[in-house]
Structures are given as C-alpha cells and as structure tokens.
Amino acid sequence: MRTTFLILLLAFCGFATSCDNDDDNGPQTEVSLEGTWDLKNISGGFAGINADFEDDAIEWTFNEETSVLTINNTHPNDDETIYDGLESGTYTYELSTVDGENQIYINDVFFGVYVLSASELVIDQDIGADGYVFSFER
C-alpha cells in the first residue's frame, strides 16, 4: 500500500512539473535599453524634489552597439531648485549585474540600479538622502 502511494505521488509530481505553460505565451523577446527614452520624472535628492517633464524635453538615447548614451536636454530650467539630470552630450555607459541588481555606469562612474520593461525604465541612485530616481518612458 505504501509503495503504491509513493509511486502515485512520484507520478503526480512528475506530471505536475512536466506541464509547463511557457509554450503558450509565444516567443519571448528580450527587453533592452536600445533606443530613445523620454525622461518623465525625477524625484528624491536632499531637497525631496518631484519634477515632471514633458515629452521630448529630455531624451536619453542608448546605442548598445557602441555603448554610447546621447542626452538631448532641451528643458528650459529657469528654476535652479529643479534638478533635470545630466547635461546634453554624449557619454559612455556600461551595464552590469551585481547580486541580482542591474547596475548602470555612466562615464565609468556608478549611476544607479535600473529596472527595465518594454516601455519603462527606472534608474534609482539610492545614495542615501542625496540620490535621485529617474523615470523614463519609450
């Protein structure tokens, strides 16, 4: 009786693990930084800012082939208390993963931990009270 129970249990476990629904989801596409991202919001910092930006005001364009980030910052910043990120220009960037966290380095300097989806990018500097959170959309 006990042997029959164990055989049935093993058969059920084998059946349960072999039924995988991954095939039903279609082909999986890899999400990448490649392309242009509109900066939508910067929050945080010592002053606790929360600044929204209009489409196309600040664009970050990542080229994965050359590892070059091009920033086009046309945001008219008359208020010096509002931090709007890096200046217009080109920067090198590098991506790495440390302890399961995706990290981005800009011009060889740690810039933050990033979370990426097909349409959203969030870079969290998480540097105590002085760090900023950058939110982008495609």
N, C-alpha and C. Protein backbone atom coordinates (compact mmCIF):
# COMPACT_ATOMS: atom_id res chain seq x y z
N MET A 1 0.82 -1.19 0.00
CA MET A 1 0.00 0.00 0.00
C MET A 1 0.87 1.26 0.00
N ARG A 2 1.89 1.24 0.86
CA ARG A 2 2.76 2.42 0.96
C ARG A 2 3.54 2.59 -0.35
N THR A 3 4.00 1.50 -0.96
CA THR A 3 4.73 1.56 -2.21
C THR A 3 3.84 2.10 -3.32
N THR A 4 2.60 1.68 -3.37
CA THR A 4 1.66 2.17 -4.38
C THR A 4 1.44 3.67 -4.20
N PHE A 5 1.31 4.12 -2.97
CA PHE A 5 1.12 5.54 -2.69
C PHE A 5 2.33 6.35 -3.17
N LEU A 6 3.54 5.86 -2.87
CA LEU A 6 4.76 6.56 -3.29
C LEU A 6 4.87 6.61 -4.80
N ILE A 7 4.53 5.55 -5.48
CA ILE A 7 4.58 5.52 -6.94
C ILE A 7 3.59 6.53 -7.52
N LEU A 8 2.38 6.56 -6.96
CA LEU A 8 1.38 7.53 -7.43
C LEU A 8 1.83 8.97 -7.14
N LEU A 9 2.42 9.18 -5.98
CA LEU A 9 2.91 10.50 -5.64
C LEU A 9 4.02 10.95 -6.58
N LEU A 10 4.96 10.06 -6.86
CA LEU A 10 6.04 10.39 -7.79
C LEU A 10 5.51 10.64 -9.20
N ALA A 11 4.56 9.84 -9.62
CA ALA A 11 3.97 10.03 -10.95
C ALA A 11 3.25 11.38 -11.04
N PHE A 12 2.52 11.73 -9.99
CA PHE A 12 1.82 13.03 -9.96
C PHE A 12 2.82 14.17 -9.99
N CYS A 13 3.89 14.08 -9.19
CA CYS A 13 4.91 15.14 -9.17
C CYS A 13 5.57 15.27 -10.52
N GLY A 14 5.86 14.17 -11.16
CA GLY A 14 6.46 14.23 -12.49
C GLY A 14 5.52 14.84 -13.50
N PHE A 15 4.23 14.51 -13.43
CA PHE A 15 3.24 15.08 -14.33
C PHE A 15 3.07 16.57 -14.08
N ALA A 16 3.04 16.97 -12.81
CA ALA A 16 2.84 18.37 -12.46
C ALA A 16 4.00 19.22 -12.94
N THR A 17 5.22 18.71 -12.85
CA THR A 17 6.37 19.51 -13.27
C THR A 17 6.55 19.50 -14.78
N SER A 18 5.99 18.51 -15.48
CA SER A 18 6.15 18.47 -16.93
C SER A 18 5.12 19.34 -17.64
N CYS A 19 4.08 19.76 -16.97
CA CYS A 19 3.08 20.64 -17.56
C CYS A 19 3.52 22.08 -17.39
N ASP A 20 4.18 22.60 -18.40
CA ASP A 20 4.73 23.96 -18.34
C ASP A 20 4.00 24.81 -19.36
N ASN A 21 3.50 25.95 -18.94
CA ASN A 21 2.73 26.82 -19.82
C ASN A 21 3.58 27.82 -20.58
N ASP A 22 4.91 27.73 -20.51
CA ASP A 22 5.77 28.68 -21.20
C ASP A 22 5.53 28.68 -22.70
N ASP A 23 5.19 27.52 -23.27
CA ASP A 23 4.98 27.43 -24.72
C ASP A 23 3.74 28.20 -25.16
N ASP A 24 2.79 28.40 -24.26
CA ASP A 24 1.55 29.08 -24.62
C ASP A 24 1.71 30.59 -24.71
N ASN A 25 2.80 31.14 -24.21
CA ASN A 25 2.99 32.57 -24.18
C ASN A 25 3.61 33.12 -25.46
N GLY A 26 3.94 32.29 -26.41
CA GLY A 26 4.55 32.75 -27.64
C GLY A 26 6.03 33.02 -27.43
N PRO A 27 6.68 33.53 -28.46
CA PRO A 27 8.12 33.77 -28.35
C PRO A 27 8.42 34.90 -27.37
N GLN A 28 9.45 34.71 -26.57
CA GLN A 28 9.85 35.71 -25.59
C GLN A 28 10.85 36.66 -26.25
N THR A 29 10.62 37.95 -26.12
CA THR A 29 11.55 38.93 -26.67
C THR A 29 12.34 39.54 -25.53
N GLU A 30 13.62 39.76 -25.79
CA GLU A 30 14.48 40.35 -24.78
C GLU A 30 14.28 41.85 -24.76
N VAL A 31 14.13 42.41 -23.58
CA VAL A 31 13.95 43.85 -23.41
C VAL A 31 15.34 44.47 -23.32
N SER A 32 15.55 45.58 -24.02
CA SER A 32 16.86 46.22 -23.99
C SER A 32 16.72 47.73 -23.84
N LEU A 33 17.82 48.37 -23.51
CA LEU A 33 17.87 49.82 -23.39
C LEU A 33 17.90 50.50 -24.75
N GLU A 34 18.26 49.79 -25.78
CA GLU A 34 18.44 50.35 -27.12
C GLU A 34 17.29 51.28 -27.50
N GLY A 35 17.65 52.47 -27.96
CA GLY A 35 16.64 53.42 -28.43
C GLY A 35 16.54 54.65 -27.56
N THR A 36 15.50 55.43 -27.81
CA THR A 36 15.31 56.71 -27.14
C THR A 36 14.27 56.61 -26.04
N TRP A 37 14.60 57.20 -24.91
CA TRP A 37 13.74 57.22 -23.73
C TRP A 37 13.47 58.67 -23.35
N ASP A 38 12.21 59.00 -23.08
CA ASP A 38 11.83 60.33 -22.59
C ASP A 38 11.87 60.33 -21.06
N LEU A 39 12.62 61.27 -20.50
CA LEU A 39 12.63 61.42 -19.04
C LEU A 39 11.30 62.02 -18.63
N LYS A 40 10.56 61.33 -17.79
CA LYS A 40 9.22 61.77 -17.37
C LYS A 40 9.23 62.40 -15.98
N ASN A 41 10.11 61.91 -15.10
CA ASN A 41 10.10 62.40 -13.72
C ASN A 41 11.45 62.16 -13.07
N ILE A 42 11.84 63.11 -12.23
CA ILE A 42 12.98 62.92 -11.31
C ILE A 42 12.46 63.24 -9.92
N SER A 43 12.71 62.33 -9.00
CA SER A 43 12.28 62.56 -7.62
C SER A 43 13.42 62.22 -6.68
N GLY A 44 13.33 62.75 -5.46
CA GLY A 44 14.31 62.45 -4.43
C GLY A 44 15.28 63.57 -4.20
N GLY A 45 16.50 63.21 -3.84
CA GLY A 45 17.52 64.19 -3.52
C GLY A 45 17.33 64.74 -2.13
N PHE A 46 18.29 65.50 -1.68
CA PHE A 46 18.25 66.07 -0.34
C PHE A 46 17.04 66.98 -0.16
N ALA A 47 16.69 67.73 -1.23
CA ALA A 47 15.57 68.67 -1.14
C ALA A 47 14.22 67.99 -1.33
N GLY A 48 14.22 66.72 -1.71
CA GLY A 48 12.97 65.99 -1.90
C GLY A 48 12.18 66.47 -3.10
N ILE A 49 12.84 66.66 -4.23
CA ILE A 49 12.13 67.16 -5.41
C ILE A 49 11.23 66.09 -6.02
N ASN A 50 10.28 66.52 -6.82
CA ASN A 50 9.41 65.65 -7.59
C ASN A 50 9.03 66.43 -8.84
N ALA A 51 9.86 66.34 -9.88
CA ALA A 51 9.71 67.16 -11.08
C ALA A 51 9.26 66.30 -12.26
N ASP A 52 8.19 66.72 -12.91
CA ASP A 52 7.72 66.07 -14.13
C ASP A 52 8.22 66.83 -15.34
N PHE A 53 8.43 66.10 -16.44
CA PHE A 53 8.93 66.70 -17.67
C PHE A 53 8.04 66.30 -18.83
N GLU A 54 7.86 67.20 -19.79
CA GLU A 54 7.04 66.93 -20.96
C GLU A 54 7.79 66.03 -21.93
N ASP A 55 7.01 65.39 -22.83
CA ASP A 55 7.61 64.55 -23.86
C ASP A 55 8.64 65.34 -24.65
N ASP A 56 9.73 64.69 -24.99
CA ASP A 56 10.80 65.23 -25.83
C ASP A 56 11.60 66.35 -25.16
N ALA A 57 11.32 66.73 -23.93
CA ALA A 57 12.09 67.78 -23.26
C ALA A 57 13.49 67.28 -22.90
N ILE A 58 13.56 66.03 -22.42
CA ILE A 58 14.84 65.43 -22.08
C ILE A 58 14.83 64.00 -22.60
N GLU A 59 15.68 63.73 -23.58
CA GLU A 59 15.73 62.41 -24.20
C GLU A 59 17.09 61.77 -23.97
N TRP A 60 17.07 60.52 -23.58
CA TRP A 60 18.28 59.73 -23.44
C TRP A 60 18.21 58.65 -24.52
N THR A 61 19.22 58.58 -25.38
CA THR A 61 19.27 57.59 -26.44
C THR A 61 20.45 56.67 -26.21
N PHE A 62 20.14 55.38 -26.03
CA PHE A 62 21.16 54.37 -25.78
C PHE A 62 21.48 53.64 -27.08
N ASN A 63 22.76 53.52 -27.40
CA ASN A 63 23.22 52.73 -28.53
C ASN A 63 24.00 51.55 -27.96
N GLU A 64 23.39 50.37 -27.98
CA GLU A 64 24.01 49.20 -27.36
C GLU A 64 25.23 48.72 -28.13
N GLU A 65 25.27 48.96 -29.42
CA GLU A 65 26.41 48.52 -30.23
C GLU A 65 27.69 49.27 -29.86
N THR A 66 27.57 50.57 -29.61
CA THR A 66 28.75 51.39 -29.30
C THR A 66 28.88 51.71 -27.81
N SER A 67 27.88 51.35 -27.01
CA SER A 67 27.83 51.68 -25.58
C SER A 67 27.92 53.19 -25.35
N VAL A 68 27.21 53.94 -26.20
CA VAL A 68 27.19 55.39 -26.09
C VAL A 68 25.78 55.84 -25.74
N LEU A 69 25.69 56.73 -24.76
CA LEU A 69 24.44 57.36 -24.35
C LEU A 69 24.49 58.80 -24.83
N THR A 70 23.47 59.21 -25.61
CA THR A 70 23.37 60.59 -26.07
C THR A 70 22.20 61.24 -25.36
N ILE A 71 22.45 62.35 -24.69
CA ILE A 71 21.40 63.06 -23.97
C ILE A 71 21.11 64.37 -24.67
N ASN A 72 19.84 64.59 -24.93
CA ASN A 72 19.37 65.84 -25.53
C ASN A 72 18.44 66.48 -24.51
N ASN A 73 18.96 67.47 -23.78
CA ASN A 73 18.21 68.13 -22.71
C ASN A 73 17.82 69.53 -23.17
N THR A 74 16.57 69.67 -23.66
CA THR A 74 16.08 70.97 -24.12
C THR A 74 15.10 71.58 -23.12
N HIS A 75 15.05 71.00 -21.93
CA HIS A 75 14.14 71.51 -20.90
C HIS A 75 14.59 72.89 -20.44
N PRO A 76 13.72 73.90 -20.55
CA PRO A 76 14.10 75.23 -20.07
C PRO A 76 14.06 75.25 -18.54
N ASN A 77 15.21 75.21 -17.93
CA ASN A 77 15.27 75.11 -16.48
C ASN A 77 15.62 76.47 -15.88
N ASP A 78 14.58 77.28 -15.64
CA ASP A 78 14.77 78.59 -15.03
C ASP A 78 14.80 78.49 -13.51
N ASP A 79 14.36 77.37 -12.97
CA ASP A 79 14.31 77.17 -11.52
C ASP A 79 15.47 76.26 -11.12
N GLU A 80 16.48 76.82 -10.50
CA GLU A 80 17.67 76.05 -10.17
C GLU A 80 17.44 75.03 -9.06
N THR A 81 16.28 75.07 -8.41
CA THR A 81 15.99 74.06 -7.40
C THR A 81 15.51 72.76 -8.03
N ILE A 82 15.20 72.79 -9.33
CA ILE A 82 14.75 71.59 -10.03
C ILE A 82 15.94 70.96 -10.75
N TYR A 83 16.30 69.78 -10.32
CA TYR A 83 17.38 69.03 -10.95
C TYR A 83 16.81 68.32 -12.18
N ASP A 84 17.44 68.52 -13.34
CA ASP A 84 16.92 67.86 -14.54
C ASP A 84 17.92 66.88 -15.14
N GLY A 85 18.83 66.41 -14.34
CA GLY A 85 19.71 65.33 -14.77
C GLY A 85 20.97 65.82 -15.45
N LEU A 86 21.52 64.95 -16.27
CA LEU A 86 22.77 65.24 -16.94
C LEU A 86 22.58 66.25 -18.08
N GLU A 87 23.64 66.98 -18.38
CA GLU A 87 23.63 67.95 -19.46
C GLU A 87 23.58 67.24 -20.81
N SER A 88 23.16 67.96 -21.85
CA SER A 88 23.21 67.42 -23.21
C SER A 88 24.64 67.03 -23.55
N GLY A 89 24.77 65.92 -24.25
CA GLY A 89 26.09 65.47 -24.66
C GLY A 89 26.12 63.97 -24.85
N THR A 90 27.30 63.45 -25.11
CA THR A 90 27.46 62.00 -25.27
C THR A 90 28.31 61.47 -24.12
N TYR A 91 27.93 60.29 -23.67
CA TYR A 91 28.56 59.64 -22.53
C TYR A 91 28.74 58.17 -22.87
N THR A 92 29.77 57.54 -22.32
CA THR A 92 29.86 56.10 -22.41
C THR A 92 29.05 55.50 -21.27
N TYR A 93 28.55 54.30 -21.49
CA TYR A 93 27.84 53.63 -20.40
C TYR A 93 28.17 52.15 -20.41
N GLU A 94 28.01 51.54 -19.25
CA GLU A 94 28.25 50.12 -19.09
C GLU A 94 27.19 49.56 -18.17
N LEU A 95 26.71 48.38 -18.50
CA LEU A 95 25.71 47.69 -17.68
C LEU A 95 26.36 46.49 -17.00
N SER A 96 25.97 46.24 -15.77
CA SER A 96 26.45 45.05 -15.08
C SER A 96 25.36 44.57 -14.12
N THR A 97 25.51 43.35 -13.67
CA THR A 97 24.59 42.78 -12.68
C THR A 97 25.41 42.33 -11.49
N VAL A 98 25.07 42.85 -10.32
CA VAL A 98 25.77 42.51 -9.08
C VAL A 98 24.73 42.11 -8.05
N ASP A 99 24.85 40.91 -7.52
CA ASP A 99 23.92 40.37 -6.52
C ASP A 99 22.47 40.50 -6.99
N GLY A 100 22.23 40.24 -8.28
CA GLY A 100 20.88 40.26 -8.82
C GLY A 100 20.34 41.64 -9.17
N GLU A 101 21.15 42.69 -8.96
CA GLU A 101 20.71 44.05 -9.28
C GLU A 101 21.39 44.51 -10.57
N ASN A 102 20.59 45.06 -11.48
CA ASN A 102 21.13 45.61 -12.72
C ASN A 102 21.66 47.01 -12.44
N GLN A 103 22.93 47.22 -12.75
CA GLN A 103 23.57 48.49 -12.47
C GLN A 103 24.00 49.17 -13.76
N ILE A 104 23.97 50.50 -13.75
CA ILE A 104 24.44 51.27 -14.90
C ILE A 104 25.54 52.22 -14.43
N TYR A 105 26.61 52.25 -15.22
CA TYR A 105 27.72 53.15 -15.01
C TYR A 105 27.76 54.12 -16.19
N ILE A 106 27.87 55.41 -15.92
CA ILE A 106 27.96 56.42 -16.97
C ILE A 106 29.31 57.10 -16.82
N ASN A 107 30.07 57.10 -17.92
CA ASN A 107 31.45 57.59 -17.91
C ASN A 107 32.26 56.96 -16.78
N ASP A 108 32.11 55.64 -16.64
CA ASP A 108 32.85 54.83 -15.67
C ASP A 108 32.53 55.14 -14.21
N VAL A 109 31.42 55.84 -13.94
CA VAL A 109 31.01 56.16 -12.58
C VAL A 109 29.64 55.51 -12.33
N PHE A 110 29.52 54.84 -11.18
CA PHE A 110 28.23 54.22 -10.83
C PHE A 110 27.14 55.28 -10.84
N PHE A 111 26.08 55.04 -11.63
CA PHE A 111 24.98 56.00 -11.72
C PHE A 111 23.75 55.52 -10.96
N GLY A 112 23.52 54.20 -10.90
CA GLY A 112 22.38 53.70 -10.16
C GLY A 112 22.01 52.28 -10.54
N VAL A 113 20.96 51.80 -9.91
CA VAL A 113 20.38 50.49 -10.17
C VAL A 113 19.17 50.71 -11.06
N TYR A 114 19.04 49.92 -12.11
CA TYR A 114 17.94 50.14 -13.03
C TYR A 114 17.00 48.95 -13.12
N VAL A 115 15.73 49.28 -13.42
CA VAL A 115 14.70 48.28 -13.67
C VAL A 115 14.13 48.63 -15.03
N LEU A 116 14.02 47.64 -15.89
CA LEU A 116 13.67 47.87 -17.29
C LEU A 116 12.50 46.99 -17.71
N SER A 117 11.54 47.59 -18.41
CA SER A 117 10.48 46.83 -19.07
C SER A 117 10.44 47.31 -20.52
N ALA A 118 9.52 46.80 -21.30
CA ALA A 118 9.44 47.19 -22.71
C ALA A 118 9.17 48.68 -22.87
N SER A 119 8.45 49.29 -21.96
CA SER A 119 8.07 50.69 -22.14
C SER A 119 8.52 51.62 -21.00
N GLU A 120 9.13 51.07 -19.95
CA GLU A 120 9.54 51.89 -18.82
C GLU A 120 10.96 51.55 -18.37
N LEU A 121 11.66 52.58 -17.95
CA LEU A 121 13.00 52.45 -17.39
C LEU A 121 13.05 53.30 -16.14
N VAL A 122 13.49 52.72 -15.04
CA VAL A 122 13.65 53.46 -13.79
C VAL A 122 15.08 53.24 -13.32
N ILE A 123 15.78 54.36 -13.06
CA ILE A 123 17.13 54.30 -12.52
C ILE A 123 17.07 54.91 -11.12
N ASP A 124 17.44 54.13 -10.13
CA ASP A 124 17.39 54.55 -8.73
C ASP A 124 18.82 54.68 -8.23
N GLN A 125 19.22 55.89 -7.91
CA GLN A 125 20.58 56.10 -7.42
C GLN A 125 20.75 55.61 -6.00
N ASP A 126 19.71 55.58 -5.20
CA ASP A 126 19.74 55.00 -3.86
C ASP A 126 21.03 55.31 -3.11
N ILE A 127 21.38 56.60 -3.09
CA ILE A 127 22.60 57.03 -2.40
C ILE A 127 22.16 57.84 -1.18
N GLY A 128 21.51 57.20 -0.26
CA GLY A 128 21.02 57.88 0.93
C GLY A 128 20.03 58.97 0.57
N ALA A 129 20.09 60.08 1.26
CA ALA A 129 19.15 61.18 1.04
C ALA A 129 19.48 61.98 -0.21
N ASP A 130 20.67 61.80 -0.77
CA ASP A 130 21.08 62.61 -1.91
C ASP A 130 20.76 61.96 -3.26
N GLY A 131 20.31 60.73 -3.29
CA GLY A 131 20.07 60.03 -4.54
C GLY A 131 18.75 60.43 -5.19
N TYR A 132 18.70 60.25 -6.50
CA TYR A 132 17.51 60.56 -7.28
C TYR A 132 16.97 59.29 -7.92
N VAL A 133 15.68 59.35 -8.27
CA VAL A 133 15.04 58.29 -9.04
C VAL A 133 14.62 58.92 -10.36
N PHE A 134 15.14 58.36 -11.46
CA PHE A 134 14.84 58.84 -12.81
C PHE A 134 13.84 57.87 -13.43
N SER A 135 12.70 58.39 -13.91
CA SER A 135 11.68 57.56 -14.55
C SER A 135 11.54 57.96 -16.00
N PHE A 136 11.67 56.96 -16.89
CA PHE A 136 11.62 57.19 -18.33
C PHE A 136 10.51 56.36 -18.95
N GLU A 137 10.05 56.80 -20.12
CA GLU A 137 9.11 56.03 -20.95
C GLU A 137 9.60 56.06 -22.39
N ARG A 138 9.26 55.02 -23.14
CA ARG A 138 9.57 54.99 -24.57
C ARG A 138 8.57 55.82 -25.30
